[in-house]
N, C-alpha and C. Protein backbone atom coordinates (compact mmCIF):
# COMPACT_ATOMS: atom_id res chain seq x y z
N MET A 1 1.08 -1.07 -0.09
CA MET A 1 -0.08 -0.03 0.02
C MET A 1 0.58 0.84 -0.13
N TYR A 2 0.16 2.31 -0.80
CA TYR A 2 0.91 3.68 -0.89
C TYR A 2 0.38 4.66 -0.31
N ARG A 3 0.46 5.80 0.18
CA ARG A 3 -0.36 7.05 0.42
C ARG A 3 0.21 8.03 0.16
N LEU A 4 -0.12 8.87 -0.48
CA LEU A 4 0.73 9.88 -1.15
C LEU A 4 0.62 11.21 0.23
N GLU A 5 2.34 11.45 -0.42
CA GLU A 5 2.79 13.03 1.25
C GLU A 5 2.81 13.72 0.50
N LEU A 6 2.35 15.20 0.51
CA LEU A 6 2.67 16.93 -0.54
C LEU A 6 3.97 17.05 0.66
N THR A 7 4.93 17.45 -0.07
CA THR A 7 6.31 17.82 0.39
C THR A 7 6.31 19.67 -0.87
N ASN A 8 6.66 20.46 0.42
CA ASN A 8 6.80 21.41 -0.16
C ASN A 8 7.66 21.58 -0.94
N LEU A 9 7.33 22.28 -2.39
CA LEU A 9 8.46 22.63 -3.25
C LEU A 9 8.71 24.38 -2.98
N GLY A 10 8.22 25.32 -3.02
CA GLY A 10 8.58 26.56 -2.70
C GLY A 10 7.59 27.29 -3.64
N GLU A 11 8.47 28.44 -3.81
CA GLU A 11 7.50 29.91 -4.57
C GLU A 11 7.83 29.95 -5.66
N VAL A 12 6.64 30.19 -6.46
CA VAL A 12 6.97 30.75 -8.10
C VAL A 12 7.55 32.40 -8.11
N THR A 13 9.03 31.98 -8.98
CA THR A 13 9.25 33.05 -9.26
C THR A 13 9.53 33.37 -10.43
N SER A 14 9.11 32.70 -11.46
CA SER A 14 8.87 33.34 -12.50
C SER A 14 8.31 32.45 -13.81
N ILE A 15 7.32 32.88 -14.55
CA ILE A 15 7.20 31.79 -15.75
C ILE A 15 7.65 32.19 -17.07
N VAL A 16 7.73 31.23 -18.03
CA VAL A 16 8.17 31.72 -19.26
C VAL A 16 7.38 30.39 -19.80
N ARG A 17 6.70 30.88 -21.16
CA ARG A 17 5.71 30.04 -21.90
C ARG A 17 5.23 29.58 -21.16
N ASP A 18 5.34 28.18 -21.24
CA ASP A 18 4.95 27.06 -20.38
C ASP A 18 5.72 26.14 -19.18
N GLN A 19 6.34 26.96 -18.86
CA GLN A 19 7.82 26.48 -17.86
C GLN A 19 7.44 27.96 -16.87
N VAL A 20 7.60 27.16 -15.68
CA VAL A 20 7.52 27.47 -14.15
C VAL A 20 8.65 27.71 -12.86
N VAL A 21 9.52 28.25 -13.01
CA VAL A 21 10.37 28.15 -12.35
C VAL A 21 10.36 28.91 -10.77
N VAL A 22 10.42 27.44 -9.99
CA VAL A 22 9.79 27.62 -8.42
C VAL A 22 11.37 27.35 -7.72
N ARG A 23 11.73 28.51 -6.85
CA ARG A 23 12.87 28.31 -5.60
C ARG A 23 12.42 27.63 -4.56
N ILE A 24 13.15 26.39 -4.71
CA ILE A 24 12.88 25.38 -3.68
C ILE A 24 13.56 25.93 -1.88
N ARG A 25 12.30 25.77 -1.38
CA ARG A 25 12.31 26.09 -0.20
C ARG A 25 13.79 25.35 0.63
N ASP A 26 13.60 23.91 0.40
CA ASP A 26 14.48 23.49 1.57
C ASP A 26 15.97 22.36 0.53
N PRO A 27 16.56 22.81 -0.04
CA PRO A 27 17.72 22.45 -0.73
C PRO A 27 17.90 20.83 -0.16
N LEU A 28 17.66 20.52 0.88
CA LEU A 28 18.03 18.77 1.17
C LEU A 28 16.58 17.81 0.58
N LYS A 29 15.57 18.69 -0.04
CA LYS A 29 14.31 18.32 0.06
C LYS A 29 14.46 18.56 -2.15
N ILE A 30 15.29 18.00 -2.38
CA ILE A 30 15.09 18.16 -4.16
C ILE A 30 14.10 17.04 -4.42
N PRO A 31 13.18 17.79 -5.42
CA PRO A 31 12.77 17.05 -6.18
C PRO A 31 12.97 16.17 -7.06
N SER A 32 12.13 14.95 -7.93
CA SER A 32 13.04 14.13 -8.93
C SER A 32 12.19 14.33 -9.74
N ILE A 33 12.83 14.59 -10.97
CA ILE A 33 12.59 14.91 -12.60
C ILE A 33 11.35 13.92 -12.69
N GLY A 34 10.14 14.31 -13.06
CA GLY A 34 9.10 14.19 -13.67
C GLY A 34 7.93 13.69 -12.32
N ALA A 35 8.49 14.07 -11.08
CA ALA A 35 7.33 14.68 -9.92
C ALA A 35 6.02 15.60 -10.35
N ARG A 36 5.19 15.36 -9.86
CA ARG A 36 3.99 15.88 -10.04
C ARG A 36 4.17 17.16 -9.25
N ALA A 37 3.29 18.37 -9.72
CA ALA A 37 3.79 19.14 -8.83
C ALA A 37 2.39 19.85 -9.38
N VAL A 38 2.32 20.19 -7.32
CA VAL A 38 0.34 20.53 -6.86
C VAL A 38 0.14 21.62 -6.43
N HIS A 39 -0.98 22.45 -7.06
CA HIS A 39 -1.12 24.30 -6.78
C HIS A 39 -1.94 23.76 -5.12
N LYS A 40 -1.46 24.76 -4.04
CA LYS A 40 -1.62 24.78 -2.75
C LYS A 40 -3.54 24.72 -2.66
N LEU A 41 -3.80 26.17 -3.38
CA LEU A 41 -5.11 26.25 -2.94
C LEU A 41 -6.21 25.26 -3.72
N SER A 42 -5.54 24.87 -4.81
CA SER A 42 -7.26 23.90 -5.71
C SER A 42 -6.68 22.71 -5.37
N GLY A 43 -5.28 22.16 -5.20
CA GLY A 43 -4.85 21.18 -5.11
C GLY A 43 -4.80 20.39 -6.64
N LYS A 44 -5.16 20.66 -7.56
CA LYS A 44 -5.20 20.59 -8.70
C LYS A 44 -3.33 20.18 -9.24
N VAL A 45 -2.95 18.65 -10.00
CA VAL A 45 -1.84 18.85 -10.55
C VAL A 45 -1.33 20.08 -11.36
N ILE A 46 -0.80 20.60 -11.55
CA ILE A 46 -0.23 21.82 -12.81
C ILE A 46 0.75 21.45 -13.44
N GLY A 47 1.69 20.64 -13.18
CA GLY A 47 2.43 20.59 -14.03
C GLY A 47 3.35 18.67 -13.54
N VAL A 48 4.52 18.61 -14.92
CA VAL A 48 5.47 17.87 -13.64
C VAL A 48 7.06 18.53 -13.75
N VAL A 49 8.00 18.10 -12.88
CA VAL A 49 9.41 18.59 -12.62
C VAL A 49 10.33 18.42 -13.24
N ASN A 50 10.61 19.19 -14.61
CA ASN A 50 10.75 19.32 -16.41
C ASN A 50 13.10 18.96 -15.86
N ASP A 51 13.00 20.10 -14.79
CA ASP A 51 14.89 19.89 -14.30
C ASP A 51 15.09 20.88 -12.74
N VAL A 52 16.33 20.43 -12.97
CA VAL A 52 16.16 21.16 -11.69
C VAL A 52 17.87 22.05 -11.78
N ILE A 53 17.60 23.37 -11.64
CA ILE A 53 19.26 24.19 -11.89
C ILE A 53 19.55 24.96 -10.75
N GLY A 54 20.44 25.81 -10.83
CA GLY A 54 20.98 26.87 -9.74
C GLY A 54 22.40 26.04 -8.91
N PRO A 55 22.74 26.79 -8.48
CA PRO A 55 23.49 26.37 -6.80
C PRO A 55 23.02 25.29 -6.32
N VAL A 56 23.99 24.70 -5.96
CA VAL A 56 23.15 23.45 -4.85
C VAL A 56 22.53 24.26 -3.33
N SER A 57 23.55 25.23 -3.33
CA SER A 57 22.76 26.14 -2.13
C SER A 57 21.17 26.75 -2.25
N SER A 58 21.23 26.91 -3.57
CA SER A 58 19.87 28.12 -3.43
C SER A 58 19.46 27.32 -4.83
N PRO A 59 19.39 25.69 -5.09
CA PRO A 59 18.29 25.34 -6.57
C PRO A 59 16.89 25.89 -6.93
N TYR A 60 16.40 25.57 -8.00
CA TYR A 60 15.59 26.18 -8.72
C TYR A 60 14.81 24.69 -9.29
N ALA A 61 13.45 24.57 -9.33
CA ALA A 61 12.83 24.01 -10.36
C ALA A 61 12.32 23.96 -11.60
N VAL A 62 12.33 23.84 -12.78
CA VAL A 62 11.02 24.00 -14.22
C VAL A 62 10.25 23.10 -13.75
N ILE A 63 9.10 23.82 -14.21
CA ILE A 63 8.47 22.89 -14.06
C ILE A 63 7.36 22.74 -15.47
N LYS A 64 7.01 22.21 -16.28
CA LYS A 64 6.65 21.72 -17.05
C LYS A 64 5.03 22.39 -17.07
N LEU A 65 4.02 23.03 -17.02
CA LEU A 65 2.88 23.14 -16.62
C LEU A 65 2.12 22.37 -17.76
N SER A 66 1.31 21.71 -17.10
CA SER A 66 -0.11 20.63 -17.56
C SER A 66 -1.38 21.97 -18.95
N LYS A 67 -1.07 21.54 -19.73
CA LYS A 67 -2.39 22.15 -20.81
C LYS A 67 -3.66 22.56 -20.24
N GLY A 68 -3.49 23.79 -19.82
CA GLY A 68 -4.67 24.58 -18.96
C GLY A 68 -4.52 24.84 -18.18
N ALA A 69 -3.28 24.62 -16.96
CA ALA A 69 -2.88 25.16 -16.24
C ALA A 69 -2.89 26.42 -16.01
N SER A 70 -2.40 27.12 -15.04
CA SER A 70 -2.28 28.60 -14.78
C SER A 70 -1.49 28.44 -12.92
N VAL A 71 -0.71 29.65 -12.84
CA VAL A 71 -0.33 29.64 -11.57
C VAL A 71 0.10 30.87 -11.95
N ALA A 72 0.61 32.11 -10.71
CA ALA A 72 0.85 33.38 -11.02
C ALA A 72 2.69 33.66 -9.95
N VAL A 73 2.98 34.46 -10.85
CA VAL A 73 4.47 34.72 -10.06
C VAL A 73 4.15 35.35 -8.55
N GLY A 74 4.88 35.30 -7.30
CA GLY A 74 4.54 35.96 -5.91
C GLY A 74 4.54 34.78 -4.90
N ASP A 75 3.76 34.32 -4.21
CA ASP A 75 3.32 33.76 -2.94
C ASP A 75 2.90 32.60 -3.00
N GLU A 76 2.76 32.41 -4.81
CA GLU A 76 2.25 30.63 -4.89
C GLU A 76 3.27 29.73 -4.37
N ILE A 77 2.28 28.89 -3.63
CA ILE A 77 2.88 27.81 -3.06
C ILE A 77 3.04 26.23 -3.97
N LEU A 78 3.55 25.85 -4.40
CA LEU A 78 3.64 24.26 -5.00
C LEU A 78 3.91 23.45 -4.41
N TYR A 79 3.40 22.48 -4.41
CA TYR A 79 3.78 20.94 -3.75
C TYR A 79 4.45 19.78 -4.46
N GLU A 80 5.09 18.77 -4.45
CA GLU A 80 5.78 17.44 -5.12
C GLU A 80 4.60 16.59 -4.50
N VAL A 81 4.35 15.45 -5.24
CA VAL A 81 3.21 14.57 -4.71
C VAL A 81 4.49 13.76 -4.60
N ARG A 82 4.74 12.91 -3.77
CA ARG A 82 5.45 11.93 -3.17
C ARG A 82 4.40 10.59 -3.09
N ARG A 83 5.21 9.27 -3.44
CA ARG A 83 4.12 8.11 -3.10
C ARG A 83 4.98 7.66 -1.81
N ARG A 84 4.52 6.93 -0.50
CA ARG A 84 5.46 6.26 0.56
C ARG A 84 4.92 5.64 0.84
N SER A 85 5.33 4.55 1.08
CA SER A 85 4.83 3.09 1.34
C SER A 85 4.72 2.99 3.33
N ARG A 86 3.77 2.10 3.45
CA ARG A 86 3.20 2.19 4.53
C ARG A 86 3.70 1.25 5.56
């Protein structure tokens, strides 16, 4: 059995076309490539982690938005969905 766990990814810093850059809040919790990103307020999956960039001490995640998904720059916090075994 698995249960889903939401891990805080961080804050949206910029949007370029269909990709969102998120400043990762905790450098010790780097999201995996392909992980689903969820919008905090709606709980909907808004895209997948496409890349992790920047220095090790202050990394950023690049998220490719799903078709029709939207987010705003600023205080929007996104979460990574992780499966955890019981």
